[in-house]
Amino acid sequence: MYTENIVLSGVDEVKKFVNFVSGYDFKVELVSGKYIVDAKSIMGIFSLDLDKPIKMNAYTDDENFKKEVKQFVAA
């Protein structure tokens, strides 16, 4: 499993993230407090508090995914 804290700062950023993770066939989830949502679900993501970094769990060791997801990683 690969874990990062990501920041999604608006509607366009959420759409871009969902399109990105939807291109992969493994499970990706976002964790915010006690809530866990499918990262491929726009509605699920908008149910989270987007004002702070969100923990992303990706069930993969895909090096390309790790490299590409850096655009969303919290600084």
PDB file of N, CA and C in Angstrom:
ATOM      1  N   MET A   1       0.850  -1.184   0.000  1.00  0.00           N
ATOM      2  CA  MET A   1       0.000   0.000   0.000  1.00  0.00           C
ATOM      3  C   MET A   1       0.892   1.243   0.000  1.00  0.00           C
ATOM      4  N   TYR A   2       0.469   2.249  -0.745  1.00  0.00           N
ATOM      5  CA  TYR A   2       1.175   3.516  -0.852  1.00  0.00           C
ATOM      6  C   TYR A   2       0.296   4.606  -0.243  1.00  0.00           C
ATOM      7  N   THR A   3       0.857   5.400   0.664  1.00  0.00           N
ATOM      8  CA  THR A   3       0.094   6.434   1.366  1.00  0.00           C
ATOM      9  C   THR A   3       0.758   7.799   1.202  1.00  0.00           C
ATOM     10  N   GLU A   4      -0.052   8.803   0.942  1.00  0.00           N
ATOM     11  CA  GLU A   4       0.395  10.201   0.848  1.00  0.00           C
ATOM     12  C   GLU A   4      -0.706  11.093   1.395  1.00  0.00           C
ATOM     13  N   ASN A   5      -0.340  12.290   1.836  1.00  0.00           N
ATOM     14  CA  ASN A   5      -1.315  13.317   2.173  1.00  0.00           C
ATOM     15  C   ASN A   5      -1.447  14.213   0.951  1.00  0.00           C
ATOM     16  N   ILE A   6      -2.688  14.389   0.491  1.00  0.00           N
ATOM     17  CA  ILE A   6      -2.924  15.198  -0.700  1.00  0.00           C
ATOM     18  C   ILE A   6      -3.791  16.413  -0.368  1.00  0.00           C
ATOM     19  N   VAL A   7      -3.750  17.396  -1.271  1.00  0.00           N
ATOM     20  CA  VAL A   7      -4.571  18.598  -1.131  1.00  0.00           C
ATOM     21  C   VAL A   7      -5.373  18.755  -2.423  1.00  0.00           C
ATOM     22  N   LEU A   8      -6.680  18.906  -2.266  1.00  0.00           N
ATOM     23  CA  LEU A   8      -7.578  19.141  -3.407  1.00  0.00           C
ATOM     24  C   LEU A   8      -8.254  20.485  -3.143  1.00  0.00           C
ATOM     25  N   SER A   9      -7.805  21.521  -3.850  1.00  0.00           N
ATOM     26  CA  SER A   9      -8.171  22.890  -3.491  1.00  0.00           C
ATOM     27  C   SER A   9      -9.374  23.475  -4.230  1.00  0.00           C
ATOM     28  N   GLY A  10     -10.110  22.665  -4.940  1.00  0.00           N
ATOM     29  CA  GLY A  10     -11.288  23.200  -5.604  1.00  0.00           C
ATOM     30  C   GLY A  10     -11.909  22.192  -6.544  1.00  0.00           C
ATOM     31  N   VAL A  11     -12.997  22.588  -7.182  1.00  0.00           N
ATOM     32  CA  VAL A  11     -13.754  21.697  -8.067  1.00  0.00           C
ATOM     33  C   VAL A  11     -12.876  21.163  -9.200  1.00  0.00           C
ATOM     34  N   ASP A  12     -12.127  22.042  -9.843  1.00  0.00           N
ATOM     35  CA  ASP A  12     -11.285  21.611 -10.959  1.00  0.00           C
ATOM     36  C   ASP A  12     -10.217  20.624 -10.509  1.00  0.00           C
ATOM     37  N   GLU A  13      -9.647  20.866  -9.340  1.00  0.00           N
ATOM     38  CA  GLU A  13      -8.615  19.983  -8.797  1.00  0.00           C
ATOM     39  C   GLU A  13      -9.211  18.606  -8.468  1.00  0.00           C
ATOM     40  N   VAL A  14     -10.414  18.582  -7.923  1.00  0.00           N
ATOM     41  CA  VAL A  14     -11.083  17.312  -7.609  1.00  0.00           C
ATOM     42  C   VAL A  14     -11.359  16.540  -8.896  1.00  0.00           C
ATOM     43  N   LYS A  15     -11.872  17.213  -9.914  1.00  0.00           N
ATOM     44  CA  LYS A  15     -12.146  16.551 -11.202  1.00  0.00           C
ATOM     45  C   LYS A  15     -10.864  15.971 -11.792  1.00  0.00           C
ATOM     46  N   LYS A  16      -9.800  16.752 -11.750  1.00  0.00           N
ATOM     47  CA  LYS A  16      -8.503  16.311 -12.279  1.00  0.00           C
ATOM     48  C   LYS A  16      -8.013  15.072 -11.522  1.00  0.00           C
ATOM     49  N   PHE A  17      -8.152  15.088 -10.193  1.00  0.00           N
ATOM     50  CA  PHE A  17      -7.721  13.956  -9.367  1.00  0.00           C
ATOM     51  C   PHE A  17      -8.550  12.705  -9.668  1.00  0.00           C
ATOM     52  N   VAL A  18      -9.866  12.855  -9.741  1.00  0.00           N
ATOM     53  CA  VAL A  18     -10.745  11.711 -10.021  1.00  0.00           C
ATOM     54  C   VAL A  18     -10.433  11.123 -11.396  1.00  0.00           C
ATOM     55  N   ASN A  19     -10.238  11.969 -12.400  1.00  0.00           N
ATOM     56  CA  ASN A  19      -9.870  11.477 -13.733  1.00  0.00           C
ATOM     57  C   ASN A  19      -8.543  10.734 -13.696  1.00  0.00           C
ATOM     58  N   PHE A  20      -7.596  11.261 -12.926  1.00  0.00           N
ATOM     59  CA  PHE A  20      -6.289  10.624 -12.797  1.00  0.00           C
ATOM     60  C   PHE A  20      -6.404   9.231 -12.167  1.00  0.00           C
ATOM     61  N   VAL A  21      -7.027   9.128 -10.983  1.00  0.00           N
ATOM     62  CA  VAL A  21      -7.084   7.831 -10.291  1.00  0.00           C
ATOM     63  C   VAL A  21      -8.000   6.844 -11.007  1.00  0.00           C
ATOM     64  N   SER A  22      -8.973   7.333 -11.754  1.00  0.00           N
ATOM     65  CA  SER A  22      -9.874   6.442 -12.486  1.00  0.00           C
ATOM     66  C   SER A  22      -9.163   5.708 -13.618  1.00  0.00           C
ATOM     67  N   GLY A  23      -8.008   6.196 -14.004  1.00  0.00           N
ATOM     68  CA  GLY A  23      -7.226   5.548 -15.043  1.00  0.00           C
ATOM     69  C   GLY A  23      -6.482   4.310 -14.569  1.00  0.00           C
ATOM     70  N   TYR A  24      -6.560   4.020 -13.293  1.00  0.00           N
ATOM     71  CA  TYR A  24      -5.888   2.855 -12.715  1.00  0.00           C
ATOM     72  C   TYR A  24      -6.926   1.868 -12.201  1.00  0.00           C
ATOM     73  N   ASP A  25      -6.595   0.572 -12.267  1.00  0.00           N
ATOM     74  CA  ASP A  25      -7.586  -0.443 -11.893  1.00  0.00           C
ATOM     75  C   ASP A  25      -7.472  -0.936 -10.456  1.00  0.00           C
ATOM     76  N   PHE A  26      -6.591  -0.343  -9.657  1.00  0.00           N
ATOM     77  CA  PHE A  26      -6.485  -0.745  -8.252  1.00  0.00           C
ATOM     78  C   PHE A  26      -7.290   0.206  -7.373  1.00  0.00           C
ATOM     79  N   LYS A  27      -7.489  -0.205  -6.125  1.00  0.00           N
ATOM     80  CA  LYS A  27      -8.299   0.563  -5.183  1.00  0.00           C
ATOM     81  C   LYS A  27      -7.508   1.760  -4.654  1.00  0.00           C
ATOM     82  N   VAL A  28      -8.148   2.929  -4.671  1.00  0.00           N
ATOM     83  CA  VAL A  28      -7.590   4.146  -4.085  1.00  0.00           C
ATOM     84  C   VAL A  28      -8.683   4.739  -3.203  1.00  0.00           C
ATOM     85  N   GLU A  29      -8.328   5.030  -1.949  1.00  0.00           N
ATOM     86  CA  GLU A  29      -9.315   5.601  -1.033  1.00  0.00           C
ATOM     87  C   GLU A  29      -8.748   6.835  -0.361  1.00  0.00           C
ATOM     88  N   LEU A  30      -9.661   7.697   0.076  1.00  0.00           N
ATOM     89  CA  LEU A  30      -9.279   8.904   0.806  1.00  0.00           C
ATOM     90  C   LEU A  30      -9.837   8.795   2.217  1.00  0.00           C
ATOM     91  N   VAL A  31      -9.015   9.177   3.195  1.00  0.00           N
ATOM     92  CA  VAL A  31      -9.381   9.064   4.606  1.00  0.00           C
ATOM     93  C   VAL A  31      -9.316  10.441   5.244  1.00  0.00           C
ATOM     94  N   SER A  32     -10.418  10.855   5.840  1.00  0.00           N
ATOM     95  CA  SER A  32     -10.486  12.133   6.546  1.00  0.00           C
ATOM     96  C   SER A  32     -11.218  11.888   7.859  1.00  0.00           C
ATOM     97  N   GLY A  33     -10.469  11.870   8.955  1.00  0.00           N
ATOM     98  CA  GLY A  33     -11.072  11.559  10.253  1.00  0.00           C
ATOM     99  C   GLY A  33     -11.583  10.132  10.247  1.00  0.00           C
ATOM    100  N   LYS A  34     -12.862   9.962  10.559  1.00  0.00           N
ATOM    101  CA  LYS A  34     -13.449   8.621  10.585  1.00  0.00           C
ATOM    102  C   LYS A  34     -14.069   8.221   9.246  1.00  0.00           C
ATOM    103  N   TYR A  35     -13.977   9.097   8.255  1.00  0.00           N
ATOM    104  CA  TYR A  35     -14.594   8.832   6.956  1.00  0.00           C
ATOM    105  C   TYR A  35     -13.578   8.281   5.954  1.00  0.00           C
ATOM    106  N   ILE A  36     -13.995   7.258   5.228  1.00  0.00           N
ATOM    107  CA  ILE A  36     -13.194   6.665   4.156  1.00  0.00           C
ATOM    108  C   ILE A  36     -14.073   6.639   2.914  1.00  0.00           C
ATOM    109  N   VAL A  37     -13.579   7.245   1.811  1.00  0.00           N
ATOM    110  CA  VAL A  37     -14.358   7.267   0.573  1.00  0.00           C
ATOM    111  C   VAL A  37     -13.512   6.764  -0.592  1.00  0.00           C
ATOM    112  N   ASP A  38     -14.192   6.270  -1.607  1.00  0.00           N
ATOM    113  CA  ASP A  38     -13.547   5.837  -2.848  1.00  0.00           C
ATOM    114  C   ASP A  38     -13.020   7.077  -3.559  1.00  0.00           C
ATOM    115  N   ALA A  39     -11.723   7.091  -3.871  1.00  0.00           N
ATOM    116  CA  ALA A  39     -11.117   8.256  -4.515  1.00  0.00           C
ATOM    117  C   ALA A  39     -11.579   8.437  -5.951  1.00  0.00           C
ATOM    118  N   LYS A  40     -12.298   7.467  -6.495  1.00  0.00           N
ATOM    119  CA  LYS A  40     -12.816   7.566  -7.861  1.00  0.00           C
ATOM    120  C   LYS A  40     -14.233   8.146  -7.880  1.00  0.00           C
ATOM    121  N   SER A  41     -14.723   8.556  -6.705  1.00  0.00           N
ATOM    122  CA  SER A  41     -16.079   9.083  -6.567  1.00  0.00           C
ATOM    123  C   SER A  41     -16.052  10.585  -6.277  1.00  0.00           C
ATOM    124  N   ILE A  42     -16.493  11.376  -7.241  1.00  0.00           N
ATOM    125  CA  ILE A  42     -16.543  12.828  -7.037  1.00  0.00           C
ATOM    126  C   ILE A  42     -17.453  13.179  -5.859  1.00  0.00           C
ATOM    127  N   MET A  43     -18.611  12.547  -5.797  1.00  0.00           N
ATOM    128  CA  MET A  43     -19.546  12.829  -4.703  1.00  0.00           C
ATOM    129  C   MET A  43     -18.942  12.448  -3.353  1.00  0.00           C
ATOM    130  N   GLY A  44     -18.240  11.339  -3.305  1.00  0.00           N
ATOM    131  CA  GLY A  44     -17.582  10.919  -2.068  1.00  0.00           C
ATOM    132  C   GLY A  44     -16.554  11.937  -1.611  1.00  0.00           C
ATOM    133  N   ILE A  45     -15.748  12.423  -2.540  1.00  0.00           N
ATOM    134  CA  ILE A  45     -14.710  13.395  -2.196  1.00  0.00           C
ATOM    135  C   ILE A  45     -15.324  14.686  -1.679  1.00  0.00           C
ATOM    136  N   PHE A  46     -16.421  15.138  -2.286  1.00  0.00           N
ATOM    137  CA  PHE A  46     -17.047  16.377  -1.836  1.00  0.00           C
ATOM    138  C   PHE A  46     -17.739  16.238  -0.483  1.00  0.00           C
ATOM    139  N   SER A  47     -17.853  15.012   0.029  1.00  0.00           N
ATOM    140  CA  SER A  47     -18.406  14.833   1.373  1.00  0.00           C
ATOM    141  C   SER A  47     -17.341  15.030   2.445  1.00  0.00           C
ATOM    142  N   LEU A  48     -16.075  15.176   2.019  1.00  0.00           N
ATOM    143  CA  LEU A  48     -14.960  15.353   2.955  1.00  0.00           C
ATOM    144  C   LEU A  48     -14.655  16.835   3.165  1.00  0.00           C
ATOM    145  N   ASP A  49     -13.904  17.123   4.229  1.00  0.00           N
ATOM    146  CA  ASP A  49     -13.436  18.486   4.500  1.00  0.00           C
ATOM    147  C   ASP A  49     -12.204  18.735   3.637  1.00  0.00           C
ATOM    148  N   LEU A  50     -12.358  19.523   2.580  1.00  0.00           N
ATOM    149  CA  LEU A  50     -11.270  19.777   1.639  1.00  0.00           C
ATOM    150  C   LEU A  50     -10.386  20.954   2.053  1.00  0.00           C
ATOM    151  N   ASP A  51     -10.643  21.524   3.231  1.00  0.00           N
ATOM    152  CA  ASP A  51      -9.848  22.650   3.707  1.00  0.00           C
ATOM    153  C   ASP A  51      -8.520  22.223   4.320  1.00  0.00           C
ATOM    154  N   LYS A  52      -8.336  20.913   4.497  1.00  0.00           N
ATOM    155  CA  LYS A  52      -7.082  20.414   5.059  1.00  0.00           C
ATOM    156  C   LYS A  52      -6.613  19.203   4.258  1.00  0.00           C
ATOM    157  N   PRO A  53      -5.341  18.831   4.395  1.00  0.00           N
ATOM    158  CA  PRO A  53      -4.839  17.662   3.649  1.00  0.00           C
ATOM    159  C   PRO A  53      -5.624  16.391   3.975  1.00  0.00           C
ATOM    160  N   ILE A  54      -5.743  15.529   2.977  1.00  0.00           N
ATOM    161  CA  ILE A  54      -6.490  14.278   3.098  1.00  0.00           C
ATOM    162  C   ILE A  54      -5.518  13.122   2.874  1.00  0.00           C
ATOM    163  N   LYS A  55      -5.640  12.098   3.692  1.00  0.00           N
ATOM    164  CA  LYS A  55      -4.781  10.921   3.539  1.00  0.00           C
ATOM    165  C   LYS A  55      -5.290  10.064   2.389  1.00  0.00           C
ATOM    166  N   MET A  56      -4.389   9.726   1.468  1.00  0.00           N
ATOM    167  CA  MET A  56      -4.723   8.866   0.337  1.00  0.00           C
ATOM    168  C   MET A  56      -4.035   7.516   0.521  1.00  0.00           C
ATOM    169  N   ASN A  57      -4.796   6.446   0.398  1.00  0.00           N
ATOM    170  CA  ASN A  57      -4.250   5.094   0.416  1.00  0.00           C
ATOM    171  C   ASN A  57      -4.474   4.481  -0.958  1.00  0.00           C
ATOM    172  N   ALA A  58      -3.382   4.100  -1.609  1.00  0.00           N
ATOM    173  CA  ALA A  58      -3.476   3.437  -2.914  1.00  0.00           C
ATOM    174  C   ALA A  58      -2.921   2.025  -2.745  1.00  0.00           C
ATOM    175  N   TYR A  59      -3.703   1.038  -3.119  1.00  0.00           N
ATOM    176  CA  TYR A  59      -3.316  -0.357  -2.941  1.00  0.00           C
ATOM    177  C   TYR A  59      -2.526  -0.838  -4.153  1.00  0.00           C
ATOM    178  N   THR A  60      -1.290  -0.300  -4.251  1.00  0.00           N
ATOM    179  CA  THR A  60      -0.429  -0.604  -5.386  1.00  0.00           C
ATOM    180  C   THR A  60       1.018  -0.266  -5.053  1.00  0.00           C
ATOM    181  N   ASP A  61       1.913  -0.770  -5.881  1.00  0.00           N
ATOM    182  CA  ASP A  61       3.322  -0.384  -5.844  1.00  0.00           C
ATOM    183  C   ASP A  61       3.723   0.195  -7.191  1.00  0.00           C
ATOM    184  N   ASP A  62       2.755   0.608  -7.985  1.00  0.00           N
ATOM    185  CA  ASP A  62       2.976   1.145  -9.327  1.00  0.00           C
ATOM    186  C   ASP A  62       3.813   2.426  -9.253  1.00  0.00           C
ATOM    187  N   GLU A  63       5.035   2.367  -9.779  1.00  0.00           N
ATOM    188  CA  GLU A  63       5.944   3.509  -9.720  1.00  0.00           C
ATOM    189  C   GLU A  63       5.445   4.696 -10.546  1.00  0.00           C
ATOM    190  N   ASN A  64       4.775   4.436 -11.657  1.00  0.00           N
ATOM    191  CA  ASN A  64       4.232   5.519 -12.478  1.00  0.00           C
ATOM    192  C   ASN A  64       3.152   6.285 -11.704  1.00  0.00           C
ATOM    193  N   PHE A  65       2.285   5.550 -11.008  1.00  0.00           N
ATOM    194  CA  PHE A  65       1.253   6.191 -10.190  1.00  0.00           C
ATOM    195  C   PHE A  65       1.898   7.069  -9.125  1.00  0.00           C
ATOM    196  N   LYS A  66       2.893   6.543  -8.429  1.00  0.00           N
ATOM    197  CA  LYS A  66       3.571   7.295  -7.368  1.00  0.00           C
ATOM    198  C   LYS A  66       4.185   8.584  -7.900  1.00  0.00           C
ATOM    199  N   LYS A  67       4.737   8.507  -9.088  1.00  0.00           N
ATOM    200  CA  LYS A  67       5.362   9.679  -9.702  1.00  0.00           C
ATOM    201  C   LYS A  67       4.303  10.714 -10.102  1.00  0.00           C
ATOM    202  N   GLU A  68       3.235  10.262 -10.746  1.00  0.00           N
ATOM    203  CA  GLU A  68       2.198  11.167 -11.253  1.00  0.00           C
ATOM    204  C   GLU A  68       1.349  11.790 -10.147  1.00  0.00           C
ATOM    205  N   VAL A  69       1.133  11.077  -9.040  1.00  0.00           N
ATOM    206  CA  VAL A  69       0.274  11.597  -7.969  1.00  0.00           C
ATOM    207  C   VAL A  69       0.953  12.730  -7.204  1.00  0.00           C
ATOM    208  N   LYS A  70       2.243  12.909  -7.392  1.00  0.00           N
ATOM    209  CA  LYS A  70       2.984  13.979  -6.688  1.00  0.00           C
ATOM    210  C   LYS A  70       2.396  15.361  -6.935  1.00  0.00           C
ATOM    211  N   GLN A  71       1.718  15.548  -8.070  1.00  0.00           N
ATOM    212  CA  GLN A  71       1.105  16.849  -8.353  1.00  0.00           C
ATOM    213  C   GLN A  71       0.014  17.223  -7.352  1.00  0.00           C
ATOM    214  N   PHE A  72      -0.512  16.228  -6.621  1.00  0.00           N
ATOM    215  CA  PHE A  72      -1.568  16.477  -5.647  1.00  0.00           C
ATOM    216  C   PHE A  72      -1.084  16.415  -4.203  1.00  0.00           C
ATOM    217  N   VAL A  73       0.175  16.070  -3.997  1.00  0.00           N
ATOM    218  CA  VAL A  73       0.708  15.861  -2.644  1.00  0.00           C
ATOM    219  C   VAL A  73       0.844  17.197  -1.902  1.00  0.00           C
ATOM    220  N   ALA A  74       0.468  17.174  -0.615  1.00  0.00           N
ATOM    221  CA  ALA A  74       0.559  18.361   0.226  1.00  0.00           C
ATOM    222  C   ALA A  74       2.025  18.741   0.416  1.00  0.00           C
ATOM    223  N   ALA A  75       2.295  20.019   0.327  1.00  0.00           N
ATOM    224  CA  ALA A  75       3.681  20.507   0.478  1.00  0.00           C
ATOM    225  C   ALA A  75       4.105  20.511   1.926  1.00  0.00           C
TER     226      ALA A  75
END
